[in-house]
Amino acid sequence: MARSLKLSLSLNLGVLVLAAAVMGTVPLSTATGGGHDSTALQLATDQSSKEYPSINLVSKPAPASASAKVNAQEAVHRTKDLGFSTEMIPGSPIVELRLISEKYNDPTLTRDYFTDRLTWVVTYKGSRVIVHGPLNLDPSVRRQATENLRCEVVFFIDAATAEAYKGALQTC
């Protein structure tokens, strides 16, 4: 049963498997001038590129000279205003200022893409998983996954307008 449960979860959850390594953090107050609740957040300084293939986004670190009109605390407040439960966005998030670009692997697509948009990437760890899968997924498997799995939820908030791009991305 345990093996079939693992197989069912890995095949049927429909969640993206993505390792998100966040390196070195500094208190948010360093980045925002000590705004309210500044100790509740961590500003990440990950220097690697990241890809989010399920939503066609790639990111790279923002240059040190980048200036955001929306601060990190406002970006976090925006994520909380999007209607997700506290189980989906628990605790204190990790916040990164990054340049986001759309990336599609289909050269026949004709549309305008954005590139290098200054964005706050807000990541909540320990989120309850949203279980997707076939209609015939055994209810006990769905219930067990919902109760036991914890993932990350990632939001992309425009650093100039506080607009949320692409909704939320849940990674496990």
C-alpha atoms as a PDB file:
ATOM      1  CA  MET A   1       0.000   0.000   0.000  1.00  0.00           C
ATOM      2  CA  ALA A   2       2.800   2.444   0.897  1.00  0.00           C
ATOM      3  CA  ARG A   3       4.502   1.889  -2.460  1.00  0.00           C
ATOM      4  CA  SER A   4       1.267   2.319  -4.400  1.00  0.00           C
ATOM      5  CA  LEU A   5       0.500   5.442  -2.353  1.00  0.00           C
ATOM      6  CA  LYS A   6       3.905   6.901  -3.269  1.00  0.00           C
ATOM      7  CA  LEU A   7       3.388   6.012  -6.908  1.00  0.00           C
ATOM      8  CA  SER A   8      -0.116   7.464  -6.895  1.00  0.00           C
ATOM      9  CA  LEU A   9       1.076  10.663  -5.272  1.00  0.00           C
ATOM     10  CA  SER A  10       3.990  11.081  -7.646  1.00  0.00           C
ATOM     11  CA  LEU A  11       1.883  10.360 -10.724  1.00  0.00           C
ATOM     12  CA  ASN A  12      -1.447  11.913  -9.832  1.00  0.00           C
ATOM     13  CA  LEU A  13      -0.874  15.050  -7.820  1.00  0.00           C
ATOM     14  CA  GLY A  14      -0.167  17.200 -10.824  1.00  0.00           C
ATOM     15  CA  VAL A  15       2.139  19.476  -8.831  1.00  0.00           C
ATOM     16  CA  LEU A  16       5.397  20.690 -10.274  1.00  0.00           C
ATOM     17  CA  VAL A  17       8.518  19.139  -8.833  1.00  0.00           C
ATOM     18  CA  LEU A  18      11.021  21.908  -8.508  1.00  0.00           C
ATOM     19  CA  ALA A  19      13.935  22.294  -6.120  1.00  0.00           C
ATOM     20  CA  ALA A  20      14.138  25.893  -4.977  1.00  0.00           C
ATOM     21  CA  ALA A  21      17.415  26.509  -3.218  1.00  0.00           C
ATOM     22  CA  VAL A  22      17.507  29.783  -1.356  1.00  0.00           C
ATOM     23  CA  MET A  23      20.931  30.858  -0.262  1.00  0.00           C
ATOM     24  CA  GLY A  24      21.908  33.388   2.410  1.00  0.00           C
ATOM     25  CA  THR A  25      19.250  35.628   3.910  1.00  0.00           C
ATOM     26  CA  VAL A  26      19.347  39.009   5.559  1.00  0.00           C
ATOM     27  CA  PRO A  27      16.638  40.687   7.614  1.00  0.00           C
ATOM     28  CA  LEU A  28      14.107  42.572   5.517  1.00  0.00           C
ATOM     29  CA  SER A  29      14.742  45.717   7.523  1.00  0.00           C
ATOM     30  CA  THR A  30      18.086  45.942   5.700  1.00  0.00           C
ATOM     31  CA  ALA A  31      16.204  46.307   2.415  1.00  0.00           C
ATOM     32  CA  THR A  32      13.189  48.383   3.416  1.00  0.00           C
ATOM     33  CA  GLY A  33      14.488  50.843   5.943  1.00  0.00           C
ATOM     34  CA  GLY A  34      12.842  48.937   8.812  1.00  0.00           C
ATOM     35  CA  GLY A  35       9.191  49.195   7.803  1.00  0.00           C
ATOM     36  CA  HIS A  36       6.436  47.739   9.981  1.00  0.00           C
ATOM     37  CA  ASP A  37       6.713  43.999  10.707  1.00  0.00           C
ATOM     38  CA  SER A  38      10.115  44.026   9.036  1.00  0.00           C
ATOM     39  CA  THR A  39      11.432  41.207  11.213  1.00  0.00           C
ATOM     40  CA  ALA A  40       8.701  38.851   9.943  1.00  0.00           C
ATOM     41  CA  LEU A  41      10.286  38.544   6.484  1.00  0.00           C
ATOM     42  CA  GLN A  42      13.591  37.434   5.078  1.00  0.00           C
ATOM     43  CA  LEU A  43      15.121  39.014   2.009  1.00  0.00           C
ATOM     44  CA  ALA A  44      16.935  36.344   0.006  1.00  0.00           C
ATOM     45  CA  THR A  45      20.127  36.994  -1.884  1.00  0.00           C
ATOM     46  CA  ASP A  46      20.158  33.985  -4.211  1.00  0.00           C
ATOM     47  CA  GLN A  47      22.436  34.731  -7.149  1.00  0.00           C
ATOM     48  CA  SER A  48      21.348  31.833  -9.355  1.00  0.00           C
ATOM     49  CA  SER A  49      18.927  31.853 -12.248  1.00  0.00           C
ATOM     50  CA  LYS A  50      15.623  30.089 -11.674  1.00  0.00           C
ATOM     51  CA  GLU A  51      13.130  28.629 -14.108  1.00  0.00           C
ATOM     52  CA  TYR A  52       9.424  28.115 -13.562  1.00  0.00           C
ATOM     53  CA  PRO A  53       8.580  26.057 -16.667  1.00  0.00           C
ATOM     54  CA  SER A  54       4.963  25.306 -15.787  1.00  0.00           C
ATOM     55  CA  ILE A  55       4.163  29.030 -16.015  1.00  0.00           C
ATOM     56  CA  ASN A  56       6.766  29.971 -18.639  1.00  0.00           C
ATOM     57  CA  LEU A  57       8.830  32.276 -16.431  1.00  0.00           C
ATOM     58  CA  VAL A  58      12.550  32.570 -15.815  1.00  0.00           C
ATOM     59  CA  SER A  59      14.264  34.809 -13.309  1.00  0.00           C
ATOM     60  CA  LYS A  60      17.669  36.150 -12.485  1.00  0.00           C
ATOM     61  CA  PRO A  61      18.904  38.333  -9.637  1.00  0.00           C
ATOM     62  CA  ALA A  62      18.077  42.019  -9.854  1.00  0.00           C
ATOM     63  CA  PRO A  63      21.104  44.286 -10.097  1.00  0.00           C
ATOM     64  CA  ALA A  64      22.182  45.983  -6.872  1.00  0.00           C
ATOM     65  CA  SER A  65      21.194  49.318  -8.417  1.00  0.00           C
ATOM     66  CA  ALA A  66      17.564  48.224  -8.978  1.00  0.00           C
ATOM     67  CA  SER A  67      14.979  50.437  -7.319  1.00  0.00           C
ATOM     68  CA  ALA A  68      11.513  49.080  -6.565  1.00  0.00           C
ATOM     69  CA  LYS A  69       8.541  51.439  -6.163  1.00  0.00           C
ATOM     70  CA  VAL A  70       6.736  48.739  -4.182  1.00  0.00           C
ATOM     71  CA  ASN A  71       8.708  47.559  -1.157  1.00  0.00           C
ATOM     72  CA  ALA A  72       8.976  43.950  -0.019  1.00  0.00           C
ATOM     73  CA  GLN A  73       6.457  44.385   2.804  1.00  0.00           C
ATOM     74  CA  GLU A  74       3.865  45.773   0.365  1.00  0.00           C
ATOM     75  CA  ALA A  75       4.496  42.835  -1.972  1.00  0.00           C
ATOM     76  CA  VAL A  76       3.841  40.405   0.877  1.00  0.00           C
ATOM     77  CA  HIS A  77       0.643  42.246   1.796  1.00  0.00           C
ATOM     78  CA  ARG A  78      -0.433  41.940  -1.836  1.00  0.00           C
ATOM     79  CA  THR A  79      -0.001  38.144  -1.693  1.00  0.00           C
ATOM     80  CA  LYS A  80      -2.230  38.033   1.363  1.00  0.00           C
ATOM     81  CA  ASP A  81      -4.887  40.091  -0.453  1.00  0.00           C
ATOM     82  CA  LEU A  82      -5.210  37.535  -3.259  1.00  0.00           C
ATOM     83  CA  GLY A  83      -7.689  35.375  -1.340  1.00  0.00           C
ATOM     84  CA  PHE A  84      -5.552  32.384  -0.339  1.00  0.00           C
ATOM     85  CA  SER A  85      -6.116  30.762   3.044  1.00  0.00           C
ATOM     86  CA  THR A  86      -3.513  30.895   5.791  1.00  0.00           C
ATOM     87  CA  GLU A  87      -2.887  27.180   5.173  1.00  0.00           C
ATOM     88  CA  MET A  88      -1.773  28.064   1.641  1.00  0.00           C
ATOM     89  CA  ILE A  89       0.456  30.964   2.717  1.00  0.00           C
ATOM     90  CA  PRO A  90       1.646  30.116   6.224  1.00  0.00           C
ATOM     91  CA  GLY A  91       4.238  31.900   8.291  1.00  0.00           C
ATOM     92  CA  SER A  92       6.863  34.363   7.208  1.00  0.00           C
ATOM     93  CA  PRO A  93       7.789  34.326   3.523  1.00  0.00           C
ATOM     94  CA  ILE A  94      11.162  34.613   1.868  1.00  0.00           C
ATOM     95  CA  VAL A  95      11.268  37.608  -0.477  1.00  0.00           C
ATOM     96  CA  GLU A  96      13.605  38.130  -3.441  1.00  0.00           C
ATOM     97  CA  LEU A  97      13.906  41.080  -5.804  1.00  0.00           C
ATOM     98  CA  ARG A  98      14.477  39.527  -9.246  1.00  0.00           C
ATOM     99  CA  LEU A  99      14.192  40.214 -12.957  1.00  0.00           C
ATOM    100  CA  ILE A 100      11.433  38.056 -14.472  1.00  0.00           C
ATOM    101  CA  SER A 101      11.017  37.200 -18.149  1.00  0.00           C
ATOM    102  CA  GLU A 102       8.525  35.106 -20.056  1.00  0.00           C
ATOM    103  CA  LYS A 103      10.056  32.137 -21.835  1.00  0.00           C
ATOM    104  CA  TYR A 104       8.231  29.909 -24.296  1.00  0.00           C
ATOM    105  CA  ASN A 105       9.806  26.981 -26.105  1.00  0.00           C
ATOM    106  CA  ASP A 106       7.473  27.311 -29.081  1.00  0.00           C
ATOM    107  CA  PRO A 107       8.927  29.659 -31.739  1.00  0.00           C
ATOM    108  CA  THR A 108       5.604  29.676 -33.641  1.00  0.00           C
ATOM    109  CA  LEU A 109       3.869  31.609 -30.877  1.00  0.00           C
ATOM    110  CA  THR A 110       3.376  35.218 -31.872  1.00  0.00           C
ATOM    111  CA  ARG A 111       2.715  37.509 -28.982  1.00  0.00           C
ATOM    112  CA  ASP A 112       4.446  40.152 -26.952  1.00  0.00           C
ATOM    113  CA  TYR A 113       6.585  38.822 -24.144  1.00  0.00           C
ATOM    114  CA  PHE A 114       7.938  40.784 -21.254  1.00  0.00           C
ATOM    115  CA  THR A 115      11.601  40.618 -20.348  1.00  0.00           C
ATOM    116  CA  ASP A 116      13.549  41.641 -17.279  1.00  0.00           C
ATOM    117  CA  ARG A 117      10.563  42.979 -15.350  1.00  0.00           C
ATOM    118  CA  LEU A 118      11.592  43.940 -11.810  1.00  0.00           C
ATOM    119  CA  THR A 119       9.581  41.653  -9.562  1.00  0.00           C
ATOM    120  CA  TRP A 120       9.285  40.582  -5.952  1.00  0.00           C
ATOM    121  CA  VAL A 121       9.310  36.784  -5.754  1.00  0.00           C
ATOM    122  CA  VAL A 122       7.524  35.884  -2.527  1.00  0.00           C
ATOM    123  CA  THR A 123       7.885  32.264  -1.354  1.00  0.00           C
ATOM    124  CA  TYR A 124       5.913  30.670   1.471  1.00  0.00           C
ATOM    125  CA  LYS A 125       7.306  27.366   2.746  1.00  0.00           C
ATOM    126  CA  GLY A 126       5.229  24.686   4.443  1.00  0.00           C
ATOM    127  CA  SER A 127       2.050  25.245   2.453  1.00  0.00           C
ATOM    128  CA  ARG A 128      -0.609  22.547   2.375  1.00  0.00           C
ATOM    129  CA  VAL A 129      -0.677  20.891  -1.005  1.00  0.00           C
ATOM    130  CA  ILE A 130      -3.580  21.347  -3.383  1.00  0.00           C
ATOM    131  CA  VAL A 131      -4.201  17.871  -4.704  1.00  0.00           C
ATOM    132  CA  HIS A 132      -5.012  17.664  -8.394  1.00  0.00           C
ATOM    133  CA  GLY A 133      -5.341  14.490 -10.291  1.00  0.00           C
ATOM    134  CA  PRO A 134      -7.806  12.287 -12.061  1.00  0.00           C
ATOM    135  CA  LEU A 135     -11.401  12.139 -10.917  1.00  0.00           C
ATOM    136  CA  ASN A 136     -10.860   8.503 -10.002  1.00  0.00           C
ATOM    137  CA  LEU A 137      -8.048   9.270  -7.541  1.00  0.00           C
ATOM    138  CA  ASP A 138      -8.817   7.336  -4.398  1.00  0.00           C
ATOM    139  CA  PRO A 139     -10.288   9.757  -1.804  1.00  0.00           C
ATOM    140  CA  SER A 140      -8.061   8.321   0.929  1.00  0.00           C
ATOM    141  CA  VAL A 141      -4.952   9.067  -1.165  1.00  0.00           C
ATOM    142  CA  ARG A 142      -6.190  12.608  -1.806  1.00  0.00           C
ATOM    143  CA  ARG A 143      -6.964  13.126   1.896  1.00  0.00           C
ATOM    144  CA  GLN A 144      -3.615  11.695   3.025  1.00  0.00           C
ATOM    145  CA  ALA A 145      -1.719  13.886   0.578  1.00  0.00           C
ATOM    146  CA  THR A 146      -3.604  16.969   1.719  1.00  0.00           C
ATOM    147  CA  GLU A 147      -2.869  16.201   5.359  1.00  0.00           C
ATOM    148  CA  ASN A 148       0.767  15.153   5.054  1.00  0.00           C
ATOM    149  CA  LEU A 149       2.453  16.955   2.175  1.00  0.00           C
ATOM    150  CA  ARG A 150       3.870  20.435   2.526  1.00  0.00           C
ATOM    151  CA  CYS A 151       5.112  22.484  -0.398  1.00  0.00           C
ATOM    152  CA  GLU A 152       6.139  25.991  -1.368  1.00  0.00           C
ATOM    153  CA  VAL A 153       3.824  28.598  -2.828  1.00  0.00           C
ATOM    154  CA  VAL A 154       5.497  31.249  -4.985  1.00  0.00           C
ATOM    155  CA  PHE A 155       3.997  34.606  -6.005  1.00  0.00           C
ATOM    156  CA  PHE A 156       5.400  37.075  -8.533  1.00  0.00           C
ATOM    157  CA  ILE A 157       4.551  40.681  -7.624  1.00  0.00           C
ATOM    158  CA  ASP A 158       5.484  43.554  -9.968  1.00  0.00           C
ATOM    159  CA  ALA A 159       7.895  45.842  -8.089  1.00  0.00           C
ATOM    160  CA  ALA A 160       6.430  48.936  -9.772  1.00  0.00           C
ATOM    161  CA  THR A 161       2.663  48.300  -9.648  1.00  0.00           C
ATOM    162  CA  ALA A 162       2.106  45.452  -7.120  1.00  0.00           C
ATOM    163  CA  GLU A 163       0.331  43.513  -9.895  1.00  0.00           C
ATOM    164  CA  ALA A 164       0.445  39.742  -9.372  1.00  0.00           C
ATOM    165  CA  TYR A 165       1.597  37.763 -12.416  1.00  0.00           C
ATOM    166  CA  LYS A 166       0.410  34.266 -13.197  1.00  0.00           C
ATOM    167  CA  GLY A 167      -1.425  33.690  -9.905  1.00  0.00           C
ATOM    168  CA  ALA A 168       0.372  31.414  -7.468  1.00  0.00           C
ATOM    169  CA  LEU A 169       2.743  28.576  -8.243  1.00  0.00           C
ATOM    170  CA  GLN A 170       2.771  25.628  -5.871  1.00  0.00           C
ATOM    171  CA  THR A 171       5.987  23.600  -5.979  1.00  0.00           C
ATOM    172  CA  CYS A 172       6.674  20.325  -4.201  1.00  0.00           C
END
